[in-house]
Amino acid sequence: MATKLRLQRRGRKHHPFYQIIVADSRAPRDGKYIERIGSYNPNTNPATITLDFDRALYWLQTGAEPSDTVRNILSNEGVLMKKHLLGGVAKGAFTEEDANSKFEEWLANKQKTVDSIKSTEEEKQRAEDKARLDAEKKANQARADEIAKKNAEVIAKLEAEKAAKAPKVEEAPAEKPKEAEKPKEEVKATTEKEAPKEDKAEVKAAKTPAVEEAPKEEKTKDAPVEEAPKKEESTPVEEPVKEEKAAPAKETKKEETPVAKEEAKDAPKEEPVKDDKKAE
């Protein structure tokens, strides 16, 4: 039975990964297989490969034929190199120790090349990321500048509108003092109206003591000699009342009351004068 080393597809649509299997050449691709010796995932960079090195070498030595893709995988992993060195040992070209040392040197050089490829890929990725970030920063800065310009224009328009409305707003408070003058004029008018009322009240208060003096004069009619001084005393009392409009009525009463008392005291002294008249 002819055996083959080939890939068996797994995974999902547009995202496949493969198993490395040993199967009969007459079996279908995804059918029954003899042994699974590794896997291959091409979706990563670089591709990830897992391989059972000894079992792959065994099946190659027994005559299994690899497919093209599996042959490349085995070459990169060093299985074919190991098979070539073991063939030289079987022919006696060099010893097994020399074969192992040569294989280790080959693996070291292979690892260096793989590492250099990985480092260059990482640098490229970093450069691409940096360029993308710079482009995004520039785009964001340009967008921010445009927004700032639009905002500045809007603010300028608003300020212009406010400046246009400002004079109208200032004229309104200028009219307020005129309104404030009206209450002052009204207050003056009210004070002028109230002033005559107060004058009338004071005149009435000034007239009241004249009425009160009438009975006092009746009492003193018997003394005709003293009537003249009474009039003289009363006249100076009434004159300051007229001049001083704001003087209260109580003061006039207080001023007149002592005059009446003095007259009352003087009245008994004049009795002998009456006797003399009778004697005559």
C-alpha atoms as a PDB file:
ATOM      1  CA  MET A   1       0.000   0.000   0.000  1.00  0.00           C
ATOM      2  CA  ALA A   2       1.437   3.394  -1.086  1.00  0.00           C
ATOM      3  CA  THR A   3       1.380   5.988   1.744  1.00  0.00           C
ATOM      4  CA  LYS A   4       1.490   9.736   1.454  1.00  0.00           C
ATOM      5  CA  LEU A   5       2.228  12.665   3.786  1.00  0.00           C
ATOM      6  CA  ARG A   6      -0.361  15.350   3.055  1.00  0.00           C
ATOM      7  CA  LEU A   7      -2.580  18.043   4.537  1.00  0.00           C
ATOM      8  CA  GLN A   8      -6.146  17.541   5.756  1.00  0.00           C
ATOM      9  CA  ARG A   9      -8.310  20.705   5.809  1.00  0.00           C
ATOM     10  CA  ARG A  10      -9.985  21.895   8.993  1.00  0.00           C
ATOM     11  CA  GLY A  11     -11.306  25.197  10.273  1.00  0.00           C
ATOM     12  CA  ARG A  12     -14.091  27.352   8.844  1.00  0.00           C
ATOM     13  CA  LYS A  13     -14.831  29.289   5.679  1.00  0.00           C
ATOM     14  CA  HIS A  14     -12.063  31.808   4.777  1.00  0.00           C
ATOM     15  CA  HIS A  15     -10.170  30.769   7.899  1.00  0.00           C
ATOM     16  CA  PRO A  16      -8.685  27.285   7.346  1.00  0.00           C
ATOM     17  CA  PHE A  17      -5.954  25.375   9.149  1.00  0.00           C
ATOM     18  CA  TYR A  18      -4.534  21.991   8.238  1.00  0.00           C
ATOM     19  CA  GLN A  19      -3.458  18.729   9.847  1.00  0.00           C
ATOM     20  CA  ILE A  20      -0.352  16.884   8.609  1.00  0.00           C
ATOM     21  CA  ILE A  21      -1.340  13.240   8.283  1.00  0.00           C
ATOM     22  CA  VAL A  22      -0.084   9.919   6.925  1.00  0.00           C
ATOM     23  CA  ALA A  23      -2.815   8.351   4.764  1.00  0.00           C
ATOM     24  CA  ASP A  24      -3.353   5.898   1.935  1.00  0.00           C
ATOM     25  CA  SER A  25      -2.926   7.497  -1.460  1.00  0.00           C
ATOM     26  CA  ARG A  26      -6.328   6.127  -2.477  1.00  0.00           C
ATOM     27  CA  ALA A  27      -8.190   7.720   0.482  1.00  0.00           C
ATOM     28  CA  PRO A  28     -10.071  11.030   0.005  1.00  0.00           C
ATOM     29  CA  ARG A  29      -8.588  14.271   1.246  1.00  0.00           C
ATOM     30  CA  ASP A  30     -10.752  14.624   4.355  1.00  0.00           C
ATOM     31  CA  GLY A  31     -11.306  10.887   4.800  1.00  0.00           C
ATOM     32  CA  LYS A  32      -9.733   8.182   6.891  1.00  0.00           C
ATOM     33  CA  TYR A  33      -5.983   8.498   7.699  1.00  0.00           C
ATOM     34  CA  ILE A  34      -3.327   6.330   9.348  1.00  0.00           C
ATOM     35  CA  GLU A  35      -1.561   8.775  11.683  1.00  0.00           C
ATOM     36  CA  ARG A  36      -1.509  12.500  12.493  1.00  0.00           C
ATOM     37  CA  ILE A  37       2.029  13.883  12.854  1.00  0.00           C
ATOM     38  CA  GLY A  38       1.508  17.694  13.027  1.00  0.00           C
ATOM     39  CA  SER A  39      -0.462  20.815  12.050  1.00  0.00           C
ATOM     40  CA  TYR A  40      -0.060  23.890   9.877  1.00  0.00           C
ATOM     41  CA  ASN A  41      -1.802  27.262  10.387  1.00  0.00           C
ATOM     42  CA  PRO A  42      -1.223  29.779   7.550  1.00  0.00           C
ATOM     43  CA  ASN A  43      -3.423  32.481   9.147  1.00  0.00           C
ATOM     44  CA  THR A  44      -0.553  33.816  11.282  1.00  0.00           C
ATOM     45  CA  ASN A  45       2.578  35.681  10.190  1.00  0.00           C
ATOM     46  CA  PRO A  46       4.818  33.746  10.092  1.00  0.00           C
ATOM     47  CA  ALA A  47       2.812  30.544   9.820  1.00  0.00           C
ATOM     48  CA  THR A  48       2.741  28.329  12.905  1.00  0.00           C
ATOM     49  CA  ILE A  49       3.873  24.740  12.441  1.00  0.00           C
ATOM     50  CA  THR A  50       3.817  21.894  14.926  1.00  0.00           C
ATOM     51  CA  LEU A  51       5.539  18.646  13.884  1.00  0.00           C
ATOM     52  CA  ASP A  52       6.559  15.326  15.420  1.00  0.00           C
ATOM     53  CA  PHE A  53      10.136  15.317  14.073  1.00  0.00           C
ATOM     54  CA  ASP A  54      10.965  11.635  14.752  1.00  0.00           C
ATOM     55  CA  ARG A  55       7.699  10.248  13.328  1.00  0.00           C
ATOM     56  CA  ALA A  56       8.007  12.372  10.197  1.00  0.00           C
ATOM     57  CA  LEU A  57      11.620  11.105   9.724  1.00  0.00           C
ATOM     58  CA  TYR A  58      10.457   7.524  10.258  1.00  0.00           C
ATOM     59  CA  TRP A  59       7.738   7.716   7.590  1.00  0.00           C
ATOM     60  CA  LEU A  60      10.157   9.301   5.135  1.00  0.00           C
ATOM     61  CA  GLN A  61      12.680   6.509   5.708  1.00  0.00           C
ATOM     62  CA  THR A  62       9.951   3.884   5.158  1.00  0.00           C
ATOM     63  CA  GLY A  63       9.101   5.303   1.730  1.00  0.00           C
ATOM     64  CA  ALA A  64       6.135   7.650   2.321  1.00  0.00           C
ATOM     65  CA  GLU A  65       5.908  10.326  -0.358  1.00  0.00           C
ATOM     66  CA  PRO A  66       5.143  13.928   0.834  1.00  0.00           C
ATOM     67  CA  SER A  67       3.004  16.374  -1.117  1.00  0.00           C
ATOM     68  CA  ASP A  68       4.514  19.650  -2.337  1.00  0.00           C
ATOM     69  CA  THR A  69       3.288  21.700   0.609  1.00  0.00           C
ATOM     70  CA  VAL A  70       4.318  19.053   3.142  1.00  0.00           C
ATOM     71  CA  ARG A  71       7.743  18.798   1.474  1.00  0.00           C
ATOM     72  CA  ASN A  72       8.323  22.541   1.981  1.00  0.00           C
ATOM     73  CA  ILE A  73       7.233  22.260   5.613  1.00  0.00           C
ATOM     74  CA  LEU A  74       9.580  19.321   6.243  1.00  0.00           C
ATOM     75  CA  SER A  75      12.450  21.181   4.546  1.00  0.00           C
ATOM     76  CA  ASN A  76      11.966  24.243   6.754  1.00  0.00           C
ATOM     77  CA  GLU A  77      11.850  22.102   9.871  1.00  0.00           C
ATOM     78  CA  GLY A  78      15.056  20.215   8.929  1.00  0.00           C
ATOM     79  CA  VAL A  79      13.567  16.725   8.492  1.00  0.00           C
ATOM     80  CA  LEU A  80      14.878  16.395   4.951  1.00  0.00           C
ATOM     81  CA  MET A  81      18.349  17.677   6.082  1.00  0.00           C
ATOM     82  CA  LYS A  82      18.439  15.062   8.840  1.00  0.00           C
ATOM     83  CA  LYS A  83      17.493  12.312   6.362  1.00  0.00           C
ATOM     84  CA  HIS A  84      20.297  13.462   4.004  1.00  0.00           C
ATOM     85  CA  LEU A  85      22.931  13.354   6.806  1.00  0.00           C
ATOM     86  CA  LEU A  86      21.810   9.916   7.959  1.00  0.00           C
ATOM     87  CA  GLY A  87      22.177   8.703   4.346  1.00  0.00           C
ATOM     88  CA  GLY A  88      25.857   9.919   4.395  1.00  0.00           C
ATOM     89  CA  VAL A  89      26.458   8.063   7.693  1.00  0.00           C
ATOM     90  CA  ALA A  90      25.004   4.863   6.143  1.00  0.00           C
ATOM     91  CA  LYS A  91      27.383   5.248   3.192  1.00  0.00           C
ATOM     92  CA  GLY A  92      30.332   5.886   5.582  1.00  0.00           C
ATOM     93  CA  ALA A  93      31.107   9.395   4.353  1.00  0.00           C
ATOM     94  CA  PHE A  94      31.224  10.746   7.976  1.00  0.00           C
ATOM     95  CA  THR A  95      30.338   9.567  11.399  1.00  0.00           C
ATOM     96  CA  GLU A  96      27.064  10.062  13.255  1.00  0.00           C
ATOM     97  CA  GLU A  97      28.707  12.624  15.575  1.00  0.00           C
ATOM     98  CA  ASP A  98      29.767  14.721  12.590  1.00  0.00           C
ATOM     99  CA  ALA A  99      26.230  14.471  11.197  1.00  0.00           C
ATOM    100  CA  ASN A 100      24.740  15.696  14.501  1.00  0.00           C
ATOM    101  CA  SER A 101      27.196  18.654  14.711  1.00  0.00           C
ATOM    102  CA  LYS A 102      26.436  19.681  11.110  1.00  0.00           C
ATOM    103  CA  PHE A 103      22.712  19.449  11.788  1.00  0.00           C
ATOM    104  CA  GLU A 104      23.023  21.687  14.893  1.00  0.00           C
ATOM    105  CA  GLU A 105      24.993  24.274  12.865  1.00  0.00           C
ATOM    106  CA  TRP A 106      22.311  24.236  10.218  1.00  0.00           C
ATOM    107  CA  LEU A 107      19.563  24.678  12.853  1.00  0.00           C
ATOM    108  CA  ALA A 108      21.418  27.667  14.385  1.00  0.00           C
ATOM    109  CA  ASN A 109      21.787  29.396  11.015  1.00  0.00           C
ATOM    110  CA  LYS A 110      18.157  28.641  10.181  1.00  0.00           C
ATOM    111  CA  GLN A 111      17.027  30.097  13.504  1.00  0.00           C
ATOM    112  CA  LYS A 112      19.057  33.271  12.886  1.00  0.00           C
ATOM    113  CA  THR A 113      17.443  33.817   9.507  1.00  0.00           C
ATOM    114  CA  VAL A 114      13.998  33.218  10.992  1.00  0.00           C
ATOM    115  CA  ASP A 115      14.715  35.696  13.812  1.00  0.00           C
ATOM    116  CA  SER A 116      15.954  38.328  11.350  1.00  0.00           C
ATOM    117  CA  ILE A 117      12.835  37.897   9.243  1.00  0.00           C
ATOM    118  CA  LYS A 118      10.646  38.241  12.331  1.00  0.00           C
ATOM    119  CA  SER A 119      12.507  41.383  13.480  1.00  0.00           C
ATOM    120  CA  THR A 120      12.175  43.009  10.045  1.00  0.00           C
ATOM    121  CA  GLU A 121       8.471  42.176   9.979  1.00  0.00           C
ATOM    122  CA  GLU A 122       8.009  43.661  13.445  1.00  0.00           C
ATOM    123  CA  GLU A 123       9.847  46.844  12.440  1.00  0.00           C
ATOM    124  CA  LYS A 124       7.677  47.178   9.348  1.00  0.00           C
ATOM    125  CA  GLN A 125       4.574  46.707  11.467  1.00  0.00           C
ATOM    126  CA  ARG A 126       5.750  49.323  13.954  1.00  0.00           C
ATOM    127  CA  ALA A 127       6.527  51.779  11.151  1.00  0.00           C
ATOM    128  CA  GLU A 128       3.100  51.221   9.634  1.00  0.00           C
ATOM    129  CA  ASP A 129       1.427  51.718  13.017  1.00  0.00           C
ATOM    130  CA  LYS A 130       3.390  54.914  13.624  1.00  0.00           C
ATOM    131  CA  ALA A 131       2.542  56.259  10.164  1.00  0.00           C
ATOM    132  CA  ARG A 132      -1.119  55.465  10.725  1.00  0.00           C
ATOM    133  CA  LEU A 133      -1.086  57.207  14.108  1.00  0.00           C
ATOM    134  CA  ASP A 134       0.625  60.269  12.619  1.00  0.00           C
ATOM    135  CA  ALA A 135      -1.953  60.404   9.843  1.00  0.00           C
ATOM    136  CA  GLU A 136      -4.757  60.148  12.398  1.00  0.00           C
ATOM    137  CA  LYS A 137      -3.178  62.937  14.499  1.00  0.00           C
ATOM    138  CA  LYS A 138      -2.902  65.186  11.454  1.00  0.00           C
ATOM    139  CA  ALA A 139      -6.498  64.476  10.485  1.00  0.00           C
ATOM    140  CA  ASN A 140      -7.678  65.156  14.031  1.00  0.00           C
ATOM    141  CA  GLN A 141      -5.661  68.395  14.178  1.00  0.00           C
ATOM    142  CA  ALA A 142      -7.090  69.559  10.856  1.00  0.00           C
ATOM    143  CA  ARG A 143     -10.600  68.721  12.055  1.00  0.00           C
ATOM    144  CA  ALA A 144      -9.989  70.578  15.333  1.00  0.00           C
ATOM    145  CA  ASP A 145      -8.724  73.632  13.423  1.00  0.00           C
ATOM    146  CA  GLU A 146     -11.822  73.655  11.228  1.00  0.00           C
ATOM    147  CA  ILE A 147     -14.087  73.385  14.263  1.00  0.00           C
ATOM    148  CA  ALA A 148     -12.184  76.204  15.991  1.00  0.00           C
ATOM    149  CA  LYS A 149     -12.591  78.432  12.931  1.00  0.00           C
ATOM    150  CA  LYS A 150     -16.323  77.741  12.761  1.00  0.00           C
ATOM    151  CA  ASN A 151     -16.700  78.427  16.478  1.00  0.00           C
ATOM    152  CA  ALA A 152     -14.739  81.674  16.126  1.00  0.00           C
ATOM    153  CA  GLU A 153     -17.018  82.804  13.292  1.00  0.00           C
ATOM    154  CA  VAL A 154     -20.122  81.970  15.307  1.00  0.00           C
ATOM    155  CA  ILE A 155     -18.770  83.825  18.364  1.00  0.00           C
ATOM    156  CA  ALA A 156     -17.911  86.847  16.205  1.00  0.00           C
ATOM    157  CA  LYS A 157     -21.448  86.923  14.806  1.00  0.00           C
ATOM    158  CA  LEU A 158     -22.964  86.697  18.280  1.00  0.00           C
ATOM    159  CA  GLU A 159     -20.744  89.506  19.540  1.00  0.00           C
ATOM    160  CA  ALA A 160     -21.699  91.661  16.562  1.00  0.00           C
ATOM    161  CA  GLU A 161     -25.392  91.061  17.255  1.00  0.00           C
ATOM    162  CA  LYS A 162     -24.892  91.939  20.925  1.00  0.00           C
ATOM    163  CA  ALA A 163     -23.017  95.094  19.950  1.00  0.00           C
ATOM    164  CA  ALA A 164     -25.866  96.070  17.642  1.00  0.00           C
ATOM    165  CA  LYS A 165     -28.428  95.524  20.394  1.00  0.00           C
ATOM    166  CA  ALA A 166     -26.321  97.202  23.111  1.00  0.00           C
ATOM    167  CA  PRO A 167     -27.269 100.885  22.264  1.00  0.00           C
ATOM    168  CA  LYS A 168     -30.986 100.062  22.439  1.00  0.00           C
ATOM    169  CA  VAL A 169     -30.508  98.509  25.844  1.00  0.00           C
ATOM    170  CA  GLU A 170     -28.560 101.564  27.069  1.00  0.00           C
ATOM    171  CA  GLU A 171     -31.287 104.030  25.963  1.00  0.00           C
ATOM    172  CA  ALA A 172     -33.895 102.353  28.172  1.00  0.00           C
ATOM    173  CA  PRO A 173     -32.175 103.141  31.515  1.00  0.00           C
ATOM    174  CA  ALA A 174     -31.554 106.757  30.323  1.00  0.00           C
ATOM    175  CA  GLU A 175     -35.350 107.341  30.348  1.00  0.00           C
ATOM    176  CA  LYS A 176     -35.727 106.116  33.924  1.00  0.00           C
ATOM    177  CA  PRO A 177     -34.515 109.381  35.553  1.00  0.00           C
ATOM    178  CA  LYS A 178     -37.384 111.243  33.840  1.00  0.00           C
ATOM    179  CA  GLU A 179     -39.796 108.865  35.475  1.00  0.00           C
ATOM    180  CA  ALA A 180     -37.966 109.373  38.759  1.00  0.00           C
ATOM    181  CA  GLU A 181     -38.463 113.179  38.477  1.00  0.00           C
ATOM    182  CA  LYS A 182     -42.231 112.799  38.332  1.00  0.00           C
ATOM    183  CA  PRO A 183     -42.578 111.472  41.891  1.00  0.00           C
ATOM    184  CA  LYS A 184     -40.398 114.386  43.100  1.00  0.00           C
ATOM    185  CA  GLU A 185     -42.743 116.901  41.459  1.00  0.00           C
ATOM    186  CA  GLU A 186     -45.727 115.093  42.924  1.00  0.00           C
ATOM    187  CA  VAL A 187     -44.103 115.213  46.375  1.00  0.00           C
ATOM    188  CA  LYS A 188     -43.572 118.966  45.999  1.00  0.00           C
ATOM    189  CA  ALA A 189     -47.196 119.447  44.954  1.00  0.00           C
ATOM    190  CA  THR A 190     -48.415 117.415  47.926  1.00  0.00           C
ATOM    191  CA  THR A 191     -46.194 119.388  50.316  1.00  0.00           C
ATOM    192  CA  GLU A 192     -47.542 122.647  48.876  1.00  0.00           C
ATOM    193  CA  LYS A 193     -51.095 121.383  49.325  1.00  0.00           C
ATOM    194  CA  GLU A 194     -50.384 120.284  52.874  1.00  0.00           C
ATOM    195  CA  ALA A 195     -48.674 123.610  53.766  1.00  0.00           C
ATOM    196  CA  PRO A 196     -51.877 125.689  53.501  1.00  0.00           C
ATOM    197  CA  LYS A 197     -53.666 123.164  55.648  1.00  0.00           C
ATOM    198  CA  GLU A 198     -51.007 123.560  58.336  1.00  0.00           C
ATOM    199  CA  ASP A 199     -51.250 127.393  58.060  1.00  0.00           C
ATOM    200  CA  LYS A 200     -54.997 127.210  58.520  1.00  0.00           C
ATOM    201  CA  ALA A 201     -54.547 125.011  61.582  1.00  0.00           C
ATOM    202  CA  GLU A 202     -52.050 127.478  63.045  1.00  0.00           C
ATOM    203  CA  VAL A 203     -54.349 130.431  62.369  1.00  0.00           C
ATOM    204  CA  LYS A 204     -57.170 128.654  64.145  1.00  0.00           C
ATOM    205  CA  ALA A 205     -54.835 127.896  67.043  1.00  0.00           C
ATOM    206  CA  ALA A 206     -53.847 131.598  67.154  1.00  0.00           C
ATOM    207  CA  LYS A 207     -57.505 132.715  67.175  1.00  0.00           C
ATOM    208  CA  THR A 208     -58.531 130.444  70.034  1.00  0.00           C
ATOM    209  CA  PRO A 209     -56.732 132.422  72.771  1.00  0.00           C
ATOM    210  CA  ALA A 210     -58.590 135.623  71.698  1.00  0.00           C
ATOM    211  CA  VAL A 211     -61.883 133.908  72.477  1.00  0.00           C
ATOM    212  CA  GLU A 212     -60.614 132.850  75.875  1.00  0.00           C
ATOM    213  CA  GLU A 213     -59.576 136.432  76.746  1.00  0.00           C
ATOM    214  CA  ALA A 214     -63.115 137.725  76.397  1.00  0.00           C
ATOM    215  CA  PRO A 215     -64.322 136.547  79.836  1.00  0.00           C
ATOM    216  CA  LYS A 216     -61.172 137.931  81.419  1.00  0.00           C
ATOM    217  CA  GLU A 217     -61.975 141.396  80.128  1.00  0.00           C
ATOM    218  CA  GLU A 218     -65.501 141.166  81.557  1.00  0.00           C
ATOM    219  CA  LYS A 219     -64.107 140.518  84.969  1.00  0.00           C
ATOM    220  CA  THR A 220     -61.881 143.569  84.758  1.00  0.00           C
ATOM    221  CA  LYS A 221     -64.517 146.033  83.455  1.00  0.00           C
ATOM    222  CA  ASP A 222     -64.765 147.544  86.921  1.00  0.00           C
ATOM    223  CA  ALA A 223     -61.190 148.815  86.603  1.00  0.00           C
ATOM    224  CA  PRO A 224     -61.294 151.233  83.640  1.00  0.00           C
ATOM    225  CA  VAL A 225     -57.856 152.620  84.426  1.00  0.00           C
ATOM    226  CA  GLU A 226     -56.187 149.361  83.638  1.00  0.00           C
ATOM    227  CA  GLU A 227     -58.014 148.593  80.367  1.00  0.00           C
ATOM    228  CA  ALA A 228     -55.435 150.374  78.247  1.00  0.00           C
ATOM    229  CA  PRO A 229     -52.475 148.386  79.499  1.00  0.00           C
ATOM    230  CA  LYS A 230     -54.437 145.165  78.972  1.00  0.00           C
ATOM    231  CA  LYS A 231     -54.856 145.960  75.334  1.00  0.00           C
ATOM    232  CA  GLU A 232     -51.206 146.794  75.030  1.00  0.00           C
ATOM    233  CA  GLU A 233     -50.266 143.509  76.635  1.00  0.00           C
ATOM    234  CA  SER A 234     -52.565 141.505  74.413  1.00  0.00           C
ATOM    235  CA  THR A 235     -51.413 143.054  71.170  1.00  0.00           C
ATOM    236  CA  PRO A 236     -47.736 142.051  71.449  1.00  0.00           C
ATOM    237  CA  VAL A 237     -48.806 138.497  72.296  1.00  0.00           C
ATOM    238  CA  GLU A 238     -50.917 138.139  69.143  1.00  0.00           C
ATOM    239  CA  GLU A 239     -48.328 139.636  66.765  1.00  0.00           C
ATOM    240  CA  PRO A 240     -45.629 136.969  67.268  1.00  0.00           C
ATOM    241  CA  VAL A 241     -48.289 134.326  66.789  1.00  0.00           C
ATOM    242  CA  LYS A 242     -49.052 135.657  63.308  1.00  0.00           C
ATOM    243  CA  GLU A 243     -45.379 135.942  62.399  1.00  0.00           C
ATOM    244  CA  GLU A 244     -44.475 132.512  63.685  1.00  0.00           C
ATOM    245  CA  LYS A 245     -46.893 130.335  61.786  1.00  0.00           C
ATOM    246  CA  ALA A 246     -45.499 127.072  63.105  1.00  0.00           C
ATOM    247  CA  ALA A 247     -45.839 128.116  66.793  1.00  0.00           C
ATOM    248  CA  PRO A 248     -48.320 125.822  68.583  1.00  0.00           C
ATOM    249  CA  ALA A 249     -51.436 127.053  70.349  1.00  0.00           C
ATOM    250  CA  LYS A 250     -50.268 125.754  73.694  1.00  0.00           C
ATOM    251  CA  GLU A 251     -47.507 128.388  73.937  1.00  0.00           C
ATOM    252  CA  THR A 252     -49.992 131.219  73.540  1.00  0.00           C
ATOM    253  CA  LYS A 253     -52.067 129.786  76.300  1.00  0.00           C
ATOM    254  CA  LYS A 254     -49.061 129.539  78.572  1.00  0.00           C
ATOM    255  CA  GLU A 255     -48.111 133.155  77.840  1.00  0.00           C
ATOM    256  CA  GLU A 256     -51.574 134.481  78.509  1.00  0.00           C
ATOM    257  CA  THR A 257     -52.298 132.576  81.676  1.00  0.00           C
ATOM    258  CA  PRO A 258     -49.733 134.486  83.807  1.00  0.00           C
ATOM    259  CA  VAL A 259     -51.194 137.821  82.563  1.00  0.00           C
ATOM    260  CA  ALA A 260     -54.627 136.760  83.735  1.00  0.00           C
ATOM    261  CA  LYS A 261     -53.206 135.765  87.090  1.00  0.00           C
ATOM    262  CA  GLU A 262     -51.491 139.127  87.522  1.00  0.00           C
ATOM    263  CA  GLU A 263     -54.725 140.906  86.680  1.00  0.00           C
ATOM    264  CA  ALA A 264     -56.533 138.807  89.236  1.00  0.00           C
ATOM    265  CA  LYS A 265     -53.987 139.751  91.849  1.00  0.00           C
ATOM    266  CA  ASP A 266     -54.199 143.427  90.973  1.00  0.00           C
ATOM    267  CA  ALA A 267     -57.985 143.462  91.174  1.00  0.00           C
ATOM    268  CA  PRO A 268     -58.358 143.588  95.013  1.00  0.00           C
ATOM    269  CA  LYS A 269     -55.804 146.402  95.264  1.00  0.00           C
ATOM    270  CA  GLU A 270     -58.053 148.657  93.232  1.00  0.00           C
ATOM    271  CA  GLU A 271     -61.046 148.280  95.644  1.00  0.00           C
ATOM    272  CA  PRO A 272     -60.130 151.384  97.682  1.00  0.00           C
ATOM    273  CA  VAL A 273     -60.293 153.371  94.500  1.00  0.00           C
ATOM    274  CA  LYS A 274     -63.960 152.433  94.178  1.00  0.00           C
ATOM    275  CA  ASP A 275     -64.615 153.626  97.787  1.00  0.00           C
ATOM    276  CA  ASP A 276     -63.065 156.975  97.026  1.00  0.00           C
ATOM    277  CA  LYS A 277     -65.391 157.400  94.054  1.00  0.00           C
ATOM    278  CA  LYS A 278     -68.391 156.558  96.223  1.00  0.00           C
ATOM    279  CA  ALA A 279     -67.292 159.044  98.852  1.00  0.00           C
ATOM    280  CA  GLU A 280     -67.045 161.743  96.307  1.00  0.00           C
END
